[in-house]
PDB file of N, CA and C in Angstrom:
ATOM      1  N   UNK A   1      18.836 -81.065 -27.620  1.00  0.00           N
ATOM      2  CA  UNK A   1      17.993 -81.066 -26.448  1.00  0.00           C
ATOM      3  C   UNK A   1      18.739 -81.653 -25.237  1.00  0.00           C
ATOM      4  N   UNK A   2      19.510 -82.710 -25.492  1.00  0.00           N
ATOM      5  CA  UNK A   2      20.267 -83.322 -24.403  1.00  0.00           C
ATOM      6  C   UNK A   2      21.324 -82.350 -23.869  1.00  0.00           C
ATOM      7  N   UNK A   3      21.940 -81.604 -24.766  1.00  0.00           N
ATOM      8  CA  UNK A   3      22.954 -80.642 -24.346  1.00  0.00           C
ATOM      9  C   UNK A   3      22.344 -79.547 -23.484  1.00  0.00           C
ATOM     10  N   UNK A   4      21.168 -79.105 -23.845  1.00  0.00           N
ATOM     11  CA  UNK A   4      20.479 -78.084 -23.070  1.00  0.00           C
ATOM     12  C   UNK A   4      20.141 -78.598 -21.676  1.00  0.00           C
ATOM     13  N   UNK A   5      19.685 -79.836 -21.602  1.00  0.00           N
ATOM     14  CA  UNK A   5      19.361 -80.463 -20.317  1.00  0.00           C
ATOM     15  C   UNK A   5      20.626 -80.626 -19.473  1.00  0.00           C
ATOM     16  N   UNK A   6      21.710 -81.055 -20.120  1.00  0.00           N
ATOM     17  CA  UNK A   6      22.977 -81.231 -19.417  1.00  0.00           C
ATOM     18  C   UNK A   6      23.493 -79.889 -18.884  1.00  0.00           C
ATOM     19  N   UNK A   7      23.389 -78.850 -19.658  1.00  0.00           N
ATOM     20  CA  UNK A   7      23.810 -77.514 -19.218  1.00  0.00           C
ATOM     21  C   UNK A   7      22.960 -77.043 -18.043  1.00  0.00           C
ATOM     22  N   UNK A   8      21.667 -77.270 -18.108  1.00  0.00           N
ATOM     23  CA  UNK A   8      20.773 -76.871 -17.014  1.00  0.00           C
ATOM     24  C   UNK A   8      21.129 -77.611 -15.732  1.00  0.00           C
ATOM     25  N   UNK A   9      21.425 -78.900 -15.834  1.00  0.00           N
ATOM     26  CA  UNK A   9      21.801 -79.696 -14.659  1.00  0.00           C
ATOM     27  C   UNK A   9      23.120 -79.194 -14.081  1.00  0.00           C
ATOM     28  N   UNK A  10      24.091 -78.893 -14.923  1.00  0.00           N
ATOM     29  CA  UNK A  10      25.375 -78.391 -14.447  1.00  0.00           C
ATOM     30  C   UNK A  10      25.230 -77.041 -13.758  1.00  0.00           C
ATOM     31  N   UNK A  11      24.437 -76.171 -14.324  1.00  0.00           N
ATOM     32  CA  UNK A  11      24.201 -74.862 -13.706  1.00  0.00           C
ATOM     33  C   UNK A  11      23.521 -75.032 -12.353  1.00  0.00           C
ATOM     34  N   UNK A  12      22.536 -75.908 -12.283  1.00  0.00           N
ATOM     35  CA  UNK A  12      21.845 -76.160 -11.018  1.00  0.00           C
ATOM     36  C   UNK A  12      22.797 -76.744  -9.989  1.00  0.00           C
ATOM     37  N   UNK A  13      23.719 -77.599 -10.431  1.00  0.00           N
ATOM     38  CA  UNK A  13      24.678 -78.204  -9.510  1.00  0.00           C
ATOM     39  C   UNK A  13      25.612 -77.164  -8.904  1.00  0.00           C
ATOM     40  N   UNK A  14      25.871 -76.097  -9.621  1.00  0.00           N
ATOM     41  CA  UNK A  14      26.747 -75.041  -9.121  1.00  0.00           C
ATOM     42  C   UNK A  14      25.967 -74.022  -8.301  1.00  0.00           C
ATOM     43  N   UNK A  15      24.786 -73.640  -8.755  1.00  0.00           N
ATOM     44  CA  UNK A  15      24.013 -72.569  -8.131  1.00  0.00           C
ATOM     45  C   UNK A  15      23.362 -73.014  -6.827  1.00  0.00           C
ATOM     46  N   UNK A  16      22.780 -74.179  -6.779  1.00  0.00           N
ATOM     47  CA  UNK A  16      22.031 -74.627  -5.599  1.00  0.00           C
ATOM     48  C   UNK A  16      22.908 -74.719  -4.359  1.00  0.00           C
ATOM     49  N   UNK A  17      24.096 -75.357  -4.386  1.00  0.00           N
ATOM     50  CA  UNK A  17      24.905 -75.390  -3.157  1.00  0.00           C
ATOM     51  C   UNK A  17      25.315 -74.014  -2.667  1.00  0.00           C
ATOM     52  N   UNK A  18      25.634 -73.107  -3.584  1.00  0.00           N
ATOM     53  CA  UNK A  18      26.031 -71.773  -3.136  1.00  0.00           C
ATOM     54  C   UNK A  18      24.854 -71.017  -2.529  1.00  0.00           C
ATOM     55  N   UNK A  19      23.656 -71.272  -3.017  1.00  0.00           N
ATOM     56  CA  UNK A  19      22.476 -70.614  -2.463  1.00  0.00           C
ATOM     57  C   UNK A  19      22.135 -71.174  -1.085  1.00  0.00           C
ATOM     58  N   UNK A  20      22.452 -72.430  -0.860  1.00  0.00           N
ATOM     59  CA  UNK A  20      22.143 -73.055   0.419  1.00  0.00           C
ATOM     60  C   UNK A  20      23.245 -72.868   1.455  1.00  0.00           C
ATOM     61  N   UNK A  21      24.379 -72.349   1.051  1.00  0.00           N
ATOM     62  CA  UNK A  21      25.487 -72.140   1.977  1.00  0.00           C
ATOM     63  C   UNK A  21      25.090 -71.135   3.047  1.00  0.00           C
ATOM     64  N   UNK A  22      25.551 -71.391   4.266  1.00  0.00           N
ATOM     65  CA  UNK A  22      25.226 -70.508   5.383  1.00  0.00           C
ATOM     66  C   UNK A  22      25.964 -69.186   5.240  1.00  0.00           C
ATOM     67  N   UNK A  23      25.336 -68.131   5.692  1.00  0.00           N
ATOM     68  CA  UNK A  23      25.984 -66.821   5.681  1.00  0.00           C
ATOM     69  C   UNK A  23      27.163 -66.849   6.652  1.00  0.00           C
ATOM     70  N   UNK A  24      28.218 -66.125   6.349  1.00  0.00           N
ATOM     71  CA  UNK A  24      29.351 -66.057   7.271  1.00  0.00           C
ATOM     72  C   UNK A  24      28.961 -65.351   8.566  1.00  0.00           C
ATOM     73  N   UNK A  25      29.647 -65.679   9.640  1.00  0.00           N
ATOM     74  CA  UNK A  25      29.414 -65.015  10.920  1.00  0.00           C
ATOM     75  C   UNK A  25      30.701 -64.307  11.339  1.00  0.00           C
ATOM     76  N   UNK A  26      30.590 -63.218  12.063  1.00  0.00           N
ATOM     77  CA  UNK A  26      31.792 -62.471  12.472  1.00  0.00           C
ATOM     78  C   UNK A  26      32.790 -63.318  13.260  1.00  0.00           C
ATOM     79  N   UNK A  27      32.307 -64.289  14.025  1.00  0.00           N
ATOM     80  CA  UNK A  27      33.204 -65.116  14.830  1.00  0.00           C
ATOM     81  C   UNK A  27      34.117 -65.984  13.973  1.00  0.00           C
ATOM     82  N   UNK A  28      33.735 -66.219  12.714  1.00  0.00           N
ATOM     83  CA  UNK A  28      34.528 -67.052  11.818  1.00  0.00           C
ATOM     84  C   UNK A  28      35.747 -66.319  11.254  1.00  0.00           C
ATOM     85  N   UNK A  29      35.861 -65.024  11.488  1.00  0.00           N
ATOM     86  CA  UNK A  29      36.903 -64.221  10.860  1.00  0.00           C
ATOM     87  C   UNK A  29      37.741 -63.486  11.893  1.00  0.00           C
ATOM     88  N   UNK A  30      38.981 -63.210  11.521  1.00  0.00           N
ATOM     89  CA  UNK A  30      39.916 -62.535  12.421  1.00  0.00           C
ATOM     90  C   UNK A  30      39.516 -61.098  12.698  1.00  0.00           C
ATOM     91  N   UNK A  31      38.973 -60.434  11.681  1.00  0.00           N
ATOM     92  CA  UNK A  31      38.580 -59.039  11.883  1.00  0.00           C
ATOM     93  C   UNK A  31      37.360 -58.695  11.035  1.00  0.00           C
ATOM     94  N   UNK A  32      36.818 -57.526  11.270  1.00  0.00           N
ATOM     95  CA  UNK A  32      35.607 -57.099  10.588  1.00  0.00           C
ATOM     96  C   UNK A  32      35.774 -56.931   9.093  1.00  0.00           C
ATOM     97  N   UNK A  33      36.947 -56.505   8.659  1.00  0.00           N
ATOM     98  CA  UNK A  33      37.172 -56.295   7.225  1.00  0.00           C
ATOM     99  C   UNK A  33      37.068 -57.604   6.452  1.00  0.00           C
ATOM    100  N   UNK A  34      37.642 -58.664   6.991  1.00  0.00           N
ATOM    101  CA  UNK A  34      37.578 -59.963   6.319  1.00  0.00           C
ATOM    102  C   UNK A  34      36.149 -60.505   6.331  1.00  0.00           C
ATOM    103  N   UNK A  35      35.458 -60.309   7.442  1.00  0.00           N
ATOM    104  CA  UNK A  35      34.064 -60.742   7.508  1.00  0.00           C
ATOM    105  C   UNK A  35      33.215 -59.997   6.485  1.00  0.00           C
ATOM    106  N   UNK A  36      33.359 -58.695   6.434  1.00  0.00           N
ATOM    107  CA  UNK A  36      32.556 -57.886   5.507  1.00  0.00           C
ATOM    108  C   UNK A  36      32.845 -58.239   4.059  1.00  0.00           C
ATOM    109  N   UNK A  37      34.088 -58.527   3.760  1.00  0.00           N
ATOM    110  CA  UNK A  37      34.436 -58.936   2.401  1.00  0.00           C
ATOM    111  C   UNK A  37      33.735 -60.255   2.056  1.00  0.00           C
ATOM    112  N   UNK A  38      33.719 -61.190   2.988  1.00  0.00           N
ATOM    113  CA  UNK A  38      33.056 -62.474   2.749  1.00  0.00           C
ATOM    114  C   UNK A  38      31.549 -62.300   2.585  1.00  0.00           C
ATOM    115  N   UNK A  39      30.950 -61.433   3.394  1.00  0.00           N
ATOM    116  CA  UNK A  39      29.511 -61.181   3.276  1.00  0.00           C
ATOM    117  C   UNK A  39      29.199 -60.538   1.933  1.00  0.00           C
ATOM    118  N   UNK A  40      30.015 -59.577   1.545  1.00  0.00           N
ATOM    119  CA  UNK A  40      29.811 -58.896   0.268  1.00  0.00           C
ATOM    120  C   UNK A  40      29.919 -59.885  -0.895  1.00  0.00           C
ATOM    121  N   UNK A  41      30.855 -60.816  -0.800  1.00  0.00           N
ATOM    122  CA  UNK A  41      31.000 -61.826  -1.848  1.00  0.00           C
ATOM    123  C   UNK A  41      29.844 -62.807  -1.852  1.00  0.00           C
ATOM    124  N   UNK A  42      29.354 -63.174  -0.668  1.00  0.00           N
ATOM    125  CA  UNK A  42      28.277 -64.167  -0.608  1.00  0.00           C
ATOM    126  C   UNK A  42      26.915 -63.585  -0.989  1.00  0.00           C
ATOM    127  N   UNK A  43      26.676 -62.337  -0.653  1.00  0.00           N
ATOM    128  CA  UNK A  43      25.369 -61.732  -0.926  1.00  0.00           C
ATOM    129  C   UNK A  43      25.320 -60.945  -2.228  1.00  0.00           C
ATOM    130  N   UNK A  44      26.459 -60.502  -2.700  1.00  0.00           N
ATOM    131  CA  UNK A  44      26.490 -59.631  -3.873  1.00  0.00           C
ATOM    132  C   UNK A  44      26.540 -58.182  -3.423  1.00  0.00           C
ATOM    133  N   UNK A  45      27.082 -57.327  -4.262  1.00  0.00           N
ATOM    134  CA  UNK A  45      27.316 -55.941  -3.842  1.00  0.00           C
ATOM    135  C   UNK A  45      26.028 -55.157  -3.607  1.00  0.00           C
ATOM    136  N   UNK A  46      25.012 -55.393  -4.412  1.00  0.00           N
ATOM    137  CA  UNK A  46      23.764 -54.631  -4.228  1.00  0.00           C
ATOM    138  C   UNK A  46      23.041 -55.045  -2.952  1.00  0.00           C
ATOM    139  N   UNK A  47      22.968 -56.345  -2.690  1.00  0.00           N
ATOM    140  CA  UNK A  47      22.322 -56.817  -1.461  1.00  0.00           C
ATOM    141  C   UNK A  47      23.123 -56.374  -0.239  1.00  0.00           C
ATOM    142  N   UNK A  48      24.433 -56.386  -0.373  1.00  0.00           N
ATOM    143  CA  UNK A  48      25.310 -55.938   0.710  1.00  0.00           C
ATOM    144  C   UNK A  48      25.066 -54.464   1.016  1.00  0.00           C
ATOM    145  N   UNK A  49      24.977 -53.647  -0.042  1.00  0.00           N
ATOM    146  CA  UNK A  49      24.728 -52.211   0.134  1.00  0.00           C
ATOM    147  C   UNK A  49      23.373 -51.977   0.777  1.00  0.00           C
ATOM    148  N   UNK A  50      22.387 -52.768   0.400  1.00  0.00           N
ATOM    149  CA  UNK A  50      21.060 -52.638   1.003  1.00  0.00           C
ATOM    150  C   UNK A  50      21.098 -53.028   2.479  1.00  0.00           C
ATOM    151  N   UNK A  51      21.836 -54.081   2.792  1.00  0.00           N
ATOM    152  CA  UNK A  51      21.918 -54.579   4.164  1.00  0.00           C
ATOM    153  C   UNK A  51      22.602 -53.590   5.099  1.00  0.00           C
ATOM    154  N   UNK A  52      23.685 -52.984   4.647  1.00  0.00           N
ATOM    155  CA  UNK A  52      24.457 -52.105   5.525  1.00  0.00           C
ATOM    156  C   UNK A  52      24.232 -50.628   5.275  1.00  0.00           C
ATOM    157  N   UNK A  53      23.411 -50.303   4.317  1.00  0.00           N
ATOM    158  CA  UNK A  53      23.095 -48.903   4.072  1.00  0.00           C
ATOM    159  C   UNK A  53      24.225 -48.169   3.402  1.00  0.00           C
ATOM    160  N   UNK A  54      23.876 -47.127   2.731  1.00  0.00           N
ATOM    161  CA  UNK A  54      24.897 -46.339   2.043  1.00  0.00           C
ATOM    162  C   UNK A  54      24.553 -44.869   2.163  1.00  0.00           C
ATOM    163  N   UNK A  55      25.525 -44.048   1.858  1.00  0.00           N
ATOM    164  CA  UNK A  55      25.254 -42.614   1.837  1.00  0.00           C
ATOM    165  C   UNK A  55      24.844 -42.202   0.428  1.00  0.00           C
ATOM    166  N   UNK A  56      24.852 -40.933   0.130  1.00  0.00           N
ATOM    167  CA  UNK A  56      24.343 -40.450  -1.157  1.00  0.00           C
ATOM    168  C   UNK A  56      25.154 -40.938  -2.350  1.00  0.00           C
ATOM    169  N   UNK A  57      26.457 -41.190  -2.175  1.00  0.00           N
ATOM    170  CA  UNK A  57      27.244 -41.665  -3.313  1.00  0.00           C
ATOM    171  C   UNK A  57      27.260 -43.188  -3.436  1.00  0.00           C
ATOM    172  N   UNK A  58      26.536 -43.881  -2.566  1.00  0.00           N
ATOM    173  CA  UNK A  58      26.375 -45.336  -2.614  1.00  0.00           C
ATOM    174  C   UNK A  58      27.700 -46.087  -2.505  1.00  0.00           C
ATOM    175  N   UNK A  59      28.645 -45.564  -1.727  1.00  0.00           N
ATOM    176  CA  UNK A  59      29.951 -46.203  -1.664  1.00  0.00           C
ATOM    177  C   UNK A  59      30.441 -46.515  -0.253  1.00  0.00           C
ATOM    178  N   UNK A  60      29.625 -46.408   0.753  1.00  0.00           N
ATOM    179  CA  UNK A  60      30.158 -46.598   2.097  1.00  0.00           C
ATOM    180  C   UNK A  60      29.614 -47.816   2.840  1.00  0.00           C
ATOM    181  N   UNK A  61      28.959 -48.734   2.177  1.00  0.00           N
ATOM    182  CA  UNK A  61      28.405 -49.903   2.856  1.00  0.00           C
ATOM    183  C   UNK A  61      29.514 -50.744   3.490  1.00  0.00           C
ATOM    184  N   UNK A  62      30.618 -50.893   2.796  1.00  0.00           N
ATOM    185  CA  UNK A  62      31.730 -51.683   3.331  1.00  0.00           C
ATOM    186  C   UNK A  62      32.273 -51.059   4.618  1.00  0.00           C
ATOM    187  N   UNK A  63      32.468 -49.755   4.610  1.00  0.00           N
ATOM    188  CA  UNK A  63      32.956 -49.062   5.804  1.00  0.00           C
ATOM    189  C   UNK A  63      31.988 -49.162   6.964  1.00  0.00           C
ATOM    190  N   UNK A  64      30.691 -49.056   6.663  1.00  0.00           N
ATOM    191  CA  UNK A  64      29.687 -49.191   7.724  1.00  0.00           C
ATOM    192  C   UNK A  64      29.687 -50.600   8.298  1.00  0.00           C
ATOM    193  N   UNK A  65      29.869 -51.582   7.438  1.00  0.00           N
ATOM    194  CA  UNK A  65      29.917 -52.972   7.895  1.00  0.00           C
ATOM    195  C   UNK A  65      31.111 -53.184   8.820  1.00  0.00           C
ATOM    196  N   UNK A  66      32.291 -52.748   8.388  1.00  0.00           N
ATOM    197  CA  UNK A  66      33.506 -52.914   9.193  1.00  0.00           C
ATOM    198  C   UNK A  66      33.352 -52.198  10.533  1.00  0.00           C
ATOM    199  N   UNK A  67      32.813 -50.994  10.507  1.00  0.00           N
ATOM    200  CA  UNK A  67      32.613 -50.230  11.733  1.00  0.00           C
ATOM    201  C   UNK A  67      31.647 -50.939  12.680  1.00  0.00           C
ATOM    202  N   UNK A  68      30.567 -51.442  12.127  1.00  0.00           N
ATOM    203  CA  UNK A  68      29.567 -52.133  12.948  1.00  0.00           C
ATOM    204  C   UNK A  68      30.171 -53.367  13.630  1.00  0.00           C
ATOM    205  N   UNK A  69      30.947 -54.144  12.883  1.00  0.00           N
ATOM    206  CA  UNK A  69      31.560 -55.352  13.435  1.00  0.00           C
ATOM    207  C   UNK A  69      32.629 -54.988  14.466  1.00  0.00           C
ATOM    208  N   UNK A  70      33.446 -53.997  14.172  1.00  0.00           N
ATOM    209  CA  UNK A  70      34.488 -53.578  15.112  1.00  0.00           C
ATOM    210  C   UNK A  70      33.873 -53.084  16.421  1.00  0.00           C
ATOM    211  N   UNK A  71      32.817 -52.298  16.329  1.00  0.00           N
ATOM    212  CA  UNK A  71      32.152 -51.810  17.544  1.00  0.00           C
ATOM    213  C   UNK A  71      31.519 -52.945  18.327  1.00  0.00           C
ATOM    214  N   UNK A  72      30.933 -53.903  17.640  1.00  0.00           N
ATOM    215  CA  UNK A  72      30.327 -55.046  18.331  1.00  0.00           C
ATOM    216  C   UNK A  72      31.383 -55.864  19.058  1.00  0.00           C
ATOM    217  N   UNK A  73      32.534 -56.073  18.408  1.00  0.00           N
ATOM    218  CA  UNK A  73      33.616 -56.828  19.057  1.00  0.00           C
ATOM    219  C   UNK A  73      34.172 -56.055  20.255  1.00  0.00           C
ATOM    220  N   UNK A  74      34.295 -54.742  20.138  1.00  0.00           N
ATOM    221  CA  UNK A  74      34.789 -53.924  21.251  1.00  0.00           C
ATOM    222  C   UNK A  74      33.819 -53.986  22.428  1.00  0.00           C
ATOM    223  N   UNK A  75      32.521 -53.936  22.135  1.00  0.00           N
ATOM    224  CA  UNK A  75      31.516 -54.043  23.194  1.00  0.00           C
ATOM    225  C   UNK A  75      31.590 -55.403  23.878  1.00  0.00           C
ATOM    226  N   UNK A  76      31.807 -56.441  23.089  1.00  0.00           N
ATOM    227  CA  UNK A  76      31.910 -57.785  23.656  1.00  0.00           C
ATOM    228  C   UNK A  76      33.139 -57.897  24.562  1.00  0.00           C
ATOM    229  N   UNK A  77      34.263 -57.310  24.132  1.00  0.00           N
ATOM    230  CA  UNK A  77      35.465 -57.326  24.971  1.00  0.00           C
ATOM    231  C   UNK A  77      35.220 -56.562  26.266  1.00  0.00           C
ATOM    232  N   UNK A  78      34.556 -55.420  26.172  1.00  0.00           N
ATOM    233  CA  UNK A  78      34.278 -54.615  27.356  1.00  0.00           C
ATOM    234  C   UNK A  78      33.348 -55.359  28.310  1.00  0.00           C
ATOM    235  N   UNK A  79      32.351 -56.034  27.767  1.00  0.00           N
ATOM    236  CA  UNK A  79      31.453 -56.827  28.607  1.00  0.00           C
ATOM    237  C   UNK A  79      32.211 -57.945  29.309  1.00  0.00           C
ATOM    238  N   UNK A  80      33.129 -58.579  28.601  1.00  0.00           N
ATOM    239  CA  UNK A  80      33.932 -59.646  29.198  1.00  0.00           C
ATOM    240  C   UNK A  80      34.811 -59.088  30.316  1.00  0.00           C
ATOM    241  N   UNK A  81      35.387 -57.899  30.099  1.00  0.00           N
ATOM    242  CA  UNK A  81      36.196 -57.265  31.141  1.00  0.00           C
ATOM    243  C   UNK A  81      35.347 -56.923  32.355  1.00  0.00           C
ATOM    244  N   UNK A  82      34.129 -56.438  32.125  1.00  0.00           N
ATOM    245  CA  UNK A  82      33.213 -56.118  33.230  1.00  0.00           C
ATOM    246  C   UNK A  82      32.895 -57.363  34.043  1.00  0.00           C
ATOM    247  N   UNK A  83      32.600 -58.457  33.351  1.00  0.00           N
ATOM    248  CA  UNK A  83      32.270 -59.701  34.054  1.00  0.00           C
ATOM    249  C   UNK A  83      33.459 -60.218  34.849  1.00  0.00           C
ATOM    250  N   UNK A  84      34.663 -60.144  34.264  1.00  0.00           N
ATOM    251  CA  UNK A  84      35.861 -60.610  34.957  1.00  0.00           C
ATOM    252  C   UNK A  84      36.138 -59.753  36.191  1.00  0.00           C
ATOM    253  N   UNK A  85      36.001 -58.438  36.046  1.00  0.00           N
ATOM    254  CA  UNK A  85      36.227 -57.541  37.187  1.00  0.00           C
ATOM    255  C   UNK A  85      35.196 -57.785  38.278  1.00  0.00           C
ATOM    256  N   UNK A  86      33.944 -57.974  37.892  1.00  0.00           N
ATOM    257  CA  UNK A  86      32.893 -58.238  38.881  1.00  0.00           C
ATOM    258  C   UNK A  86      33.148 -59.556  39.608  1.00  0.00           C
ATOM    259  N   UNK A  87      33.588 -60.572  38.882  1.00  0.00           N
ATOM    260  CA  UNK A  87      33.873 -61.864  39.515  1.00  0.00           C
ATOM    261  C   UNK A  87      35.034 -61.732  40.497  1.00  0.00           C
ATOM    262  N   UNK A  88      36.066 -60.982  40.121  1.00  0.00           N
ATOM    263  CA  UNK A  88      37.212 -60.776  41.009  1.00  0.00           C
ATOM    264  C   UNK A  88      36.784 -60.022  42.266  1.00  0.00           C
ATOM    265  N   UNK A  89      35.922 -59.026  42.099  1.00  0.00           N
ATOM    266  CA  UNK A  89      35.458 -58.257  43.256  1.00  0.00           C
ATOM    267  C   UNK A  89      34.577 -59.099  44.180  1.00  0.00           C
ATOM    268  N   UNK A  90      33.733 -59.914  43.598  1.00  0.00           N
ATOM    269  CA  UNK A  90      32.889 -60.790  44.423  1.00  0.00           C
ATOM    270  C   UNK A  90      33.742 -61.775  45.204  1.00  0.00           C
ATOM    271  N   UNK A  91      34.789 -62.282  44.566  1.00  0.00           N
ATOM    272  CA  UNK A  91      35.693 -63.209  45.248  1.00  0.00           C
ATOM    273  C   UNK A  91      36.411 -62.492  46.389  1.00  0.00           C
ATOM    274  N   UNK A  92      36.861 -61.263  46.100  1.00  0.00           N
ATOM    275  CA  UNK A  92      37.553 -60.465  47.110  1.00  0.00           C
ATOM    276  C   UNK A  92      36.621 -60.183  48.298  1.00  0.00           C
ATOM    277  N   UNK A  93      35.373 -59.876  48.009  1.00  0.00           N
ATOM    278  CA  UNK A  93      34.402 -59.596  49.067  1.00  0.00           C
ATOM    279  C   UNK A  93      34.123 -60.844  49.892  1.00  0.00           C
ATOM    280  N   UNK A  94      34.040 -61.993  49.247  1.00  0.00           N
ATOM    281  CA  UNK A  94      33.768 -63.248  49.957  1.00  0.00           C
ATOM    282  C   UNK A  94      34.947 -63.648  50.843  1.00  0.00           C
ATOM    283  N   UNK A  95      36.155 -63.359  50.383  1.00  0.00           N
ATOM    284  CA  UNK A  95      37.342 -63.737  51.148  1.00  0.00           C
ATOM    285  C   UNK A  95      37.523 -62.885  52.404  1.00  0.00           C
ATOM    286  N   UNK A  96      37.253 -61.594  52.298  1.00  0.00           N
ATOM    287  CA  UNK A  96      37.449 -60.695  53.449  1.00  0.00           C
ATOM    288  C   UNK A  96      36.460 -59.534  53.345  1.00  0.00           C
ATOM    289  N   UNK A  97      35.270 -59.742  53.854  1.00  0.00           N
ATOM    290  CA  UNK A  97      34.200 -58.754  53.739  1.00  0.00           C
ATOM    291  C   UNK A  97      34.541 -57.450  54.470  1.00  0.00           C
ATOM    292  N   UNK A  98      35.193 -57.532  55.609  1.00  0.00           N
ATOM    293  CA  UNK A  98      35.534 -56.333  56.378  1.00  0.00           C
ATOM    294  C   UNK A  98      36.525 -55.450  55.611  1.00  0.00           C
ATOM    295  N   UNK A  99      37.545 -56.072  55.048  1.00  0.00           N
ATOM    296  CA  UNK A  99      38.541 -55.321  54.273  1.00  0.00           C
ATOM    297  C   UNK A  99      37.893 -54.727  53.024  1.00  0.00           C
ATOM    298  N   UNK A 100      37.013 -55.512  52.394  1.00  0.00           N
ATOM    299  CA  UNK A 100      36.320 -55.034  51.201  1.00  0.00           C
ATOM    300  C   UNK A 100      35.478 -53.801  51.537  1.00  0.00           C
ATOM    301  N   UNK A 101      34.724 -53.862  52.646  1.00  0.00           N
ATOM    302  CA  UNK A 101      33.868 -52.746  53.054  1.00  0.00           C
ATOM    303  C   UNK A 101      34.698 -51.504  53.400  1.00  0.00           C
ATOM    304  N   UNK A 102      35.877 -51.719  53.954  1.00  0.00           N
ATOM    305  CA  UNK A 102      36.747 -50.604  54.309  1.00  0.00           C
ATOM    306  C   UNK A 102      37.335 -49.944  53.053  1.00  0.00           C
ATOM    307  N   UNK A 103      37.644 -50.760  52.058  1.00  0.00           N
ATOM    308  CA  UNK A 103      38.284 -50.262  50.838  1.00  0.00           C
ATOM    309  C   UNK A 103      37.282 -49.651  49.863  1.00  0.00           C
ATOM    310  N   UNK A 104      36.135 -50.325  49.709  1.00  0.00           N
ATOM    311  CA  UNK A 104      35.134 -49.895  48.724  1.00  0.00           C
ATOM    312  C   UNK A 104      33.791 -49.683  49.403  1.00  0.00           C
ATOM    313  N   UNK A 105      33.023 -48.729  48.902  1.00  0.00           N
ATOM    314  CA  UNK A 105      31.672 -48.516  49.425  1.00  0.00           C
ATOM    315  C   UNK A 105      30.717 -49.585  48.919  1.00  0.00           C
ATOM    316  N   UNK A 106      30.937 -50.013  47.672  1.00  0.00           N
ATOM    317  CA  UNK A 106      30.046 -51.015  47.081  1.00  0.00           C
ATOM    318  C   UNK A 106      30.770 -51.794  45.987  1.00  0.00           C
ATOM    319  N   UNK A 107      30.097 -52.749  45.416  1.00  0.00           N
ATOM    320  CA  UNK A 107      30.683 -53.595  44.382  1.00  0.00           C
ATOM    321  C   UNK A 107      31.032 -52.777  43.130  1.00  0.00           C
ATOM    322  N   UNK A 108      30.219 -51.803  42.814  1.00  0.00           N
ATOM    323  CA  UNK A 108      30.468 -50.969  41.635  1.00  0.00           C
ATOM    324  C   UNK A 108      31.795 -50.239  41.694  1.00  0.00           C
ATOM    325  N   UNK A 109      32.135 -49.721  42.867  1.00  0.00           N
ATOM    326  CA  UNK A 109      33.420 -49.029  43.027  1.00  0.00           C
ATOM    327  C   UNK A 109      34.570 -50.001  42.852  1.00  0.00           C
ATOM    328  N   UNK A 110      34.412 -51.199  43.351  1.00  0.00           N
ATOM    329  CA  UNK A 110      35.460 -52.203  43.202  1.00  0.00           C
ATOM    330  C   UNK A 110      35.654 -52.553  41.725  1.00  0.00           C
ATOM    331  N   UNK A 111      34.561 -52.745  41.020  1.00  0.00           N
ATOM    332  CA  UNK A 111      34.638 -53.090  39.592  1.00  0.00           C
ATOM    333  C   UNK A 111      35.319 -51.962  38.825  1.00  0.00           C
ATOM    334  N   UNK A 112      34.929 -50.738  39.112  1.00  0.00           N
ATOM    335  CA  UNK A 112      35.528 -49.570  38.441  1.00  0.00           C
ATOM    336  C   UNK A 112      37.034 -49.512  38.710  1.00  0.00           C
ATOM    337  N   UNK A 113      37.430 -49.728  39.953  1.00  0.00           N
ATOM    338  CA  UNK A 113      38.839 -49.698  40.306  1.00  0.00           C
ATOM    339  C   UNK A 113      39.604 -50.853  39.654  1.00  0.00           C
ATOM    340  N   UNK A 114      38.991 -52.015  39.596  1.00  0.00           N
ATOM    341  CA  UNK A 114      39.633 -53.178  38.983  1.00  0.00           C
ATOM    342  C   UNK A 114      39.838 -52.967  37.485  1.00  0.00           C
ATOM    343  N   UNK A 115      38.842 -52.386  36.826  1.00  0.00           N
ATOM    344  CA  UNK A 115      38.971 -52.116  35.391  1.00  0.00           C
ATOM    345  C   UNK A 115      40.013 -51.050  35.124  1.00  0.00           C
ATOM    346  N   UNK A 116      40.070 -50.058  35.998  1.00  0.00           N
ATOM    347  CA  UNK A 116      41.027 -48.959  35.824  1.00  0.00           C
ATOM    348  C   UNK A 116      42.457 -49.479  35.985  1.00  0.00           C
ATOM    349  N   UNK A 117      42.669 -50.355  36.947  1.00  0.00           N
ATOM    350  CA  UNK A 117      44.023 -50.870  37.187  1.00  0.00           C
ATOM    351  C   UNK A 117      44.460 -51.868  36.124  1.00  0.00           C
ATOM    352  N   UNK A 118      43.516 -52.563  35.491  1.00  0.00           N
ATOM    353  CA  UNK A 118      43.883 -53.535  34.455  1.00  0.00           C
ATOM    354  C   UNK A 118      44.008 -52.911  33.073  1.00  0.00           C
ATOM    355  N   UNK A 119      43.397 -51.760  32.851  1.00  0.00           N
ATOM    356  CA  UNK A 119      43.381 -51.170  31.518  1.00  0.00           C
ATOM    357  C   UNK A 119      44.209 -49.991  31.422  1.00  0.00           C
TER     358      UNK A 119
END
């Protein structure tokens, strides 16, 4: 009876911390593939497949996860570029409004031109 109790306590000591561990976040990993692998390991393959969906052969959840994370990171980079270009254009407009008005019709054109020249 004591051995059974000891085994139950040991199992609980291993299972409870892993169940309480926080899910990984994409920011914690260098790329989407590493993040998806960590999520798949933490949730289990069936829960992972349910979370990210699969096609008829039930084998594409990992690819969908990587794609979703890669697209989200690309969108975040693009948003950051938009904000940086807009800030540069606003600064340019504040420094010399007449030159800005002569060069660009509006702030949107300046942002578009700034992104085009940087990318």
